[in-house]
Amino acid sequence: LAVVSDDLGDSATAERYFAQAAEVMRTLPGPPGNLVYPLFGWGRMKFFRGDYVEARRLAEEAYAHAKKAGGERHPNTAVAAMQLAMVQ
């Protein structure tokens, strides 16, 4: 729903859905490796809104989670590292 909302130009709704998805996934055991996807989207929304502090926090969380879930050489870790570099 977040991606579709974003594609339709409704960034406020997209951000809400990304945040909600991340919050729910954080409560799951593990949490699951695919938690990085709502974190990527949510962080991107924050970045484009100019909230660089929150974008950085989300990028750091995504990077740590991606590294733990898939290791240093996993594509999700690379994406998270790229997002983190954008907000440094």
Protein backbone atom coordinates (compact mmCIF):
# COMPACT_ATOMS: atom_id res chain seq x y z
CA LEU A 1 0.00 0.00 0.00
CA ALA A 2 2.88 2.37 0.75
CA VAL A 3 4.46 1.89 -2.66
CA VAL A 4 1.13 2.30 -4.46
CA SER A 5 0.33 5.43 -2.45
CA ASP A 6 3.75 6.85 -3.29
CA ASP A 7 3.28 6.01 -6.99
CA LEU A 8 -0.05 7.84 -6.89
CA GLY A 9 1.65 10.93 -5.46
CA ASP A 10 0.22 10.61 -1.95
CA SER A 11 3.47 10.81 -0.01
CA ALA A 12 1.82 11.44 3.37
CA THR A 13 -0.18 8.21 3.12
CA ALA A 14 2.84 6.33 1.80
CA GLU A 15 4.96 7.48 4.73
CA ARG A 16 2.25 6.41 7.17
CA TYR A 17 2.06 2.94 5.60
CA PHE A 18 5.86 2.52 5.56
CA ALA A 19 6.01 3.52 9.24
CA GLN A 20 3.15 1.21 10.16
CA ALA A 21 4.72 -1.73 8.32
CA ALA A 22 8.08 -1.16 10.01
CA GLU A 23 6.48 -0.92 13.45
CA VAL A 24 4.58 -4.19 12.98
CA MET A 25 7.60 -6.02 11.54
CA ARG A 26 9.82 -4.84 14.41
CA THR A 27 7.58 -6.80 16.80
CA LEU A 28 7.95 -10.09 14.91
CA PRO A 29 10.47 -12.69 16.09
CA GLY A 30 13.83 -12.08 14.53
CA PRO A 31 12.71 -9.50 13.24
CA PRO A 32 12.40 -10.76 9.66
CA GLY A 33 15.00 -9.87 7.06
CA ASN A 34 12.48 -8.05 4.92
CA LEU A 35 12.05 -5.37 7.62
CA VAL A 36 14.57 -3.43 5.53
CA TYR A 37 11.97 -2.72 2.81
CA PRO A 38 9.65 -0.48 4.82
CA LEU A 39 12.73 1.10 6.43
CA PHE A 40 14.10 1.90 2.97
CA GLY A 41 10.82 3.46 1.88
CA TRP A 42 10.23 5.34 5.11
CA GLY A 43 13.78 6.67 5.13
CA ARG A 44 13.44 7.80 1.52
CA MET A 45 10.22 9.65 2.38
CA LYS A 46 11.98 11.40 5.27
CA PHE A 47 14.95 12.28 3.05
CA PHE A 48 12.80 13.89 0.36
CA ARG A 49 10.85 15.81 3.01
CA GLY A 50 14.14 17.23 4.27
CA ASP A 51 14.06 15.40 7.62
CA TYR A 52 17.68 14.30 7.37
CA VAL A 53 18.06 13.42 11.05
CA GLU A 54 15.21 10.91 10.90
CA ALA A 55 16.30 9.70 7.46
CA ARG A 56 19.74 8.97 8.89
CA ARG A 57 18.32 7.15 11.90
CA LEU A 58 16.21 4.92 9.63
CA ALA A 59 19.16 4.33 7.27
CA GLU A 60 21.33 3.31 10.22
CA GLU A 61 18.64 0.92 11.44
CA ALA A 62 18.21 -0.55 7.94
CA TYR A 63 21.97 -0.96 7.53
CA ALA A 64 22.38 -2.71 10.89
CA HIS A 65 19.43 -4.98 10.21
CA ALA A 66 20.48 -5.79 6.62
CA LYS A 67 24.01 -6.59 7.75
CA LYS A 68 22.71 -8.86 10.51
CA ALA A 69 20.15 -10.59 8.27
CA GLY A 70 22.20 -11.01 5.10
CA GLY A 71 25.81 -10.14 5.80
CA GLU A 72 28.20 -7.56 4.42
CA ARG A 73 27.87 -8.63 0.79
CA HIS A 74 24.08 -8.91 0.57
CA PRO A 75 22.38 -6.53 -1.91
CA ASN A 76 20.11 -5.16 0.86
CA THR A 77 23.21 -4.21 2.84
CA ALA A 78 24.54 -2.33 -0.19
CA VAL A 79 21.25 -0.46 -0.63
CA ALA A 80 21.20 0.43 3.06
CA ALA A 81 24.81 1.62 2.86
CA MET A 82 23.91 3.80 -0.13
CA GLN A 83 20.99 5.36 1.73
CA LEU A 84 23.20 5.96 4.74
CA ALA A 85 25.85 7.61 2.55
CA MET A 86 23.20 9.96 1.12
CA VAL A 87 22.35 11.35 4.56
CA GLN A 88 25.88 11.54 5.98
